[in-house]
């Protein structure tokens, strides 16, 4: 039974490591879209099509993506820190 938890935990850690670059690129593109359009995050979300809203929700709102989203957010803030 312990081996099952180790395998499942290893798969989840691998999933997090794979998702961090994807989350980072998504955060970067959303921030760039905010800069170019001059709209807030909520305004951009309201203007999205239904399909894009669903993609955004599943990428940002899933509990399984929370650790990778947090890591990517910290990395983004660290790299784009204004002095």
C-alpha atoms as a PDB file:
ATOM      1  CA  UNK A   1       0.000   0.000   0.000  1.00  0.00           C
ATOM      2  CA  UNK A   2       2.894   2.331   0.721  1.00  0.00           C
ATOM      3  CA  UNK A   3       4.286   1.816  -2.760  1.00  0.00           C
ATOM      4  CA  UNK A   4       0.978   2.989  -4.246  1.00  0.00           C
ATOM      5  CA  UNK A   5       1.215   6.297  -2.375  1.00  0.00           C
ATOM      6  CA  UNK A   6       4.843   6.713  -3.401  1.00  0.00           C
ATOM      7  CA  UNK A   7       4.004   6.108  -7.059  1.00  0.00           C
ATOM      8  CA  UNK A   8       0.977   8.425  -6.994  1.00  0.00           C
ATOM      9  CA  UNK A   9       2.972  11.104  -5.174  1.00  0.00           C
ATOM     10  CA  UNK A  10       5.794  10.804  -7.691  1.00  0.00           C
ATOM     11  CA  UNK A  11       3.370  11.143 -10.592  1.00  0.00           C
ATOM     12  CA  UNK A  12       1.823  14.248  -8.998  1.00  0.00           C
ATOM     13  CA  UNK A  13       5.243  15.846  -8.414  1.00  0.00           C
ATOM     14  CA  UNK A  14       6.133  15.128 -12.042  1.00  0.00           C
ATOM     15  CA  UNK A  15       2.819  16.701 -13.113  1.00  0.00           C
ATOM     16  CA  UNK A  16       3.608  19.826 -11.069  1.00  0.00           C
ATOM     17  CA  UNK A  17       7.083  20.087 -12.620  1.00  0.00           C
ATOM     18  CA  UNK A  18       5.625  19.795 -16.106  1.00  0.00           C
ATOM     19  CA  UNK A  19       2.898  22.359 -15.418  1.00  0.00           C
ATOM     20  CA  UNK A  20       5.144  25.101 -13.965  1.00  0.00           C
ATOM     21  CA  UNK A  21       6.506  26.268 -17.359  1.00  0.00           C
ATOM     22  CA  UNK A  22       3.018  26.129 -18.864  1.00  0.00           C
ATOM     23  CA  UNK A  23       1.579  28.172 -16.009  1.00  0.00           C
ATOM     24  CA  UNK A  24       4.462  30.637 -16.253  1.00  0.00           C
ATOM     25  CA  UNK A  25       3.922  31.204 -19.968  1.00  0.00           C
ATOM     26  CA  UNK A  26       0.182  31.632 -19.389  1.00  0.00           C
ATOM     27  CA  UNK A  27       0.776  34.188 -16.615  1.00  0.00           C
ATOM     28  CA  UNK A  28       3.274  36.035 -18.821  1.00  0.00           C
ATOM     29  CA  UNK A  29       0.869  36.165 -21.742  1.00  0.00           C
ATOM     30  CA  UNK A  30      -1.993  37.394 -19.540  1.00  0.00           C
ATOM     31  CA  UNK A  31       0.197  40.146 -18.059  1.00  0.00           C
ATOM     32  CA  UNK A  32       1.327  41.148 -21.561  1.00  0.00           C
ATOM     33  CA  UNK A  33      -2.295  41.205 -22.714  1.00  0.00           C
ATOM     34  CA  UNK A  34      -3.157  43.457 -19.760  1.00  0.00           C
ATOM     35  CA  UNK A  35      -0.365  45.850 -20.752  1.00  0.00           C
ATOM     36  CA  UNK A  36      -1.239  45.968 -24.451  1.00  0.00           C
ATOM     37  CA  UNK A  37      -5.005  46.342 -24.032  1.00  0.00           C
ATOM     38  CA  UNK A  38      -4.942  48.502 -20.919  1.00  0.00           C
ATOM     39  CA  UNK A  39      -7.713  46.389 -19.397  1.00  0.00           C
ATOM     40  CA  UNK A  40      -7.788  44.754 -16.008  1.00  0.00           C
ATOM     41  CA  UNK A  41      -7.761  40.985 -15.566  1.00  0.00           C
ATOM     42  CA  UNK A  42     -11.518  40.974 -14.888  1.00  0.00           C
ATOM     43  CA  UNK A  43     -12.280  43.000 -18.009  1.00  0.00           C
ATOM     44  CA  UNK A  44     -10.199  40.652 -20.141  1.00  0.00           C
ATOM     45  CA  UNK A  45     -11.978  37.679 -18.595  1.00  0.00           C
ATOM     46  CA  UNK A  46     -15.392  39.203 -19.333  1.00  0.00           C
ATOM     47  CA  UNK A  47     -14.430  39.763 -22.985  1.00  0.00           C
ATOM     48  CA  UNK A  48     -13.273  36.147 -23.479  1.00  0.00           C
ATOM     49  CA  UNK A  49     -15.296  33.687 -25.494  1.00  0.00           C
ATOM     50  CA  UNK A  50     -16.896  30.792 -23.661  1.00  0.00           C
ATOM     51  CA  UNK A  51     -14.173  28.403 -24.834  1.00  0.00           C
ATOM     52  CA  UNK A  52     -11.387  30.671 -23.586  1.00  0.00           C
ATOM     53  CA  UNK A  53     -13.182  31.163 -20.268  1.00  0.00           C
ATOM     54  CA  UNK A  54     -13.297  27.394 -19.809  1.00  0.00           C
ATOM     55  CA  UNK A  55      -9.622  27.003 -20.715  1.00  0.00           C
ATOM     56  CA  UNK A  56      -8.729  29.795 -18.291  1.00  0.00           C
ATOM     57  CA  UNK A  57     -10.809  28.223 -15.526  1.00  0.00           C
ATOM     58  CA  UNK A  58      -9.304  24.770 -15.980  1.00  0.00           C
ATOM     59  CA  UNK A  59      -5.764  26.100 -16.175  1.00  0.00           C
ATOM     60  CA  UNK A  60      -6.002  28.550 -13.276  1.00  0.00           C
ATOM     61  CA  UNK A  61      -8.861  27.214 -11.150  1.00  0.00           C
ATOM     62  CA  UNK A  62      -8.123  23.536 -10.761  1.00  0.00           C
ATOM     63  CA  UNK A  63      -6.997  22.423  -7.312  1.00  0.00           C
ATOM     64  CA  UNK A  64      -4.498  20.069  -8.965  1.00  0.00           C
ATOM     65  CA  UNK A  65      -2.827  23.046 -10.668  1.00  0.00           C
ATOM     66  CA  UNK A  66      -2.633  25.151  -7.509  1.00  0.00           C
ATOM     67  CA  UNK A  67       0.971  24.219  -6.529  1.00  0.00           C
ATOM     68  CA  UNK A  68       2.310  24.763 -10.045  1.00  0.00           C
ATOM     69  CA  UNK A  69       0.351  28.006 -10.336  1.00  0.00           C
ATOM     70  CA  UNK A  70       1.793  29.293  -7.059  1.00  0.00           C
ATOM     71  CA  UNK A  71       5.342  28.349  -8.057  1.00  0.00           C
ATOM     72  CA  UNK A  72       4.938  29.985 -11.478  1.00  0.00           C
ATOM     73  CA  UNK A  73       3.493  33.143  -9.883  1.00  0.00           C
ATOM     74  CA  UNK A  74       6.431  33.419  -7.485  1.00  0.00           C
ATOM     75  CA  UNK A  75       8.919  32.882 -10.319  1.00  0.00           C
ATOM     76  CA  UNK A  76       7.144  35.499 -12.457  1.00  0.00           C
ATOM     77  CA  UNK A  77       7.133  38.051  -9.636  1.00  0.00           C
ATOM     78  CA  UNK A  78      10.796  37.330  -8.904  1.00  0.00           C
ATOM     79  CA  UNK A  79      11.833  37.743 -12.537  1.00  0.00           C
ATOM     80  CA  UNK A  80       9.708  40.843 -13.152  1.00  0.00           C
ATOM     81  CA  UNK A  81      10.350  42.570  -9.867  1.00  0.00           C
ATOM     82  CA  UNK A  82      10.396  46.340 -10.325  1.00  0.00           C
ATOM     83  CA  UNK A  83      13.316  48.005  -8.612  1.00  0.00           C
END
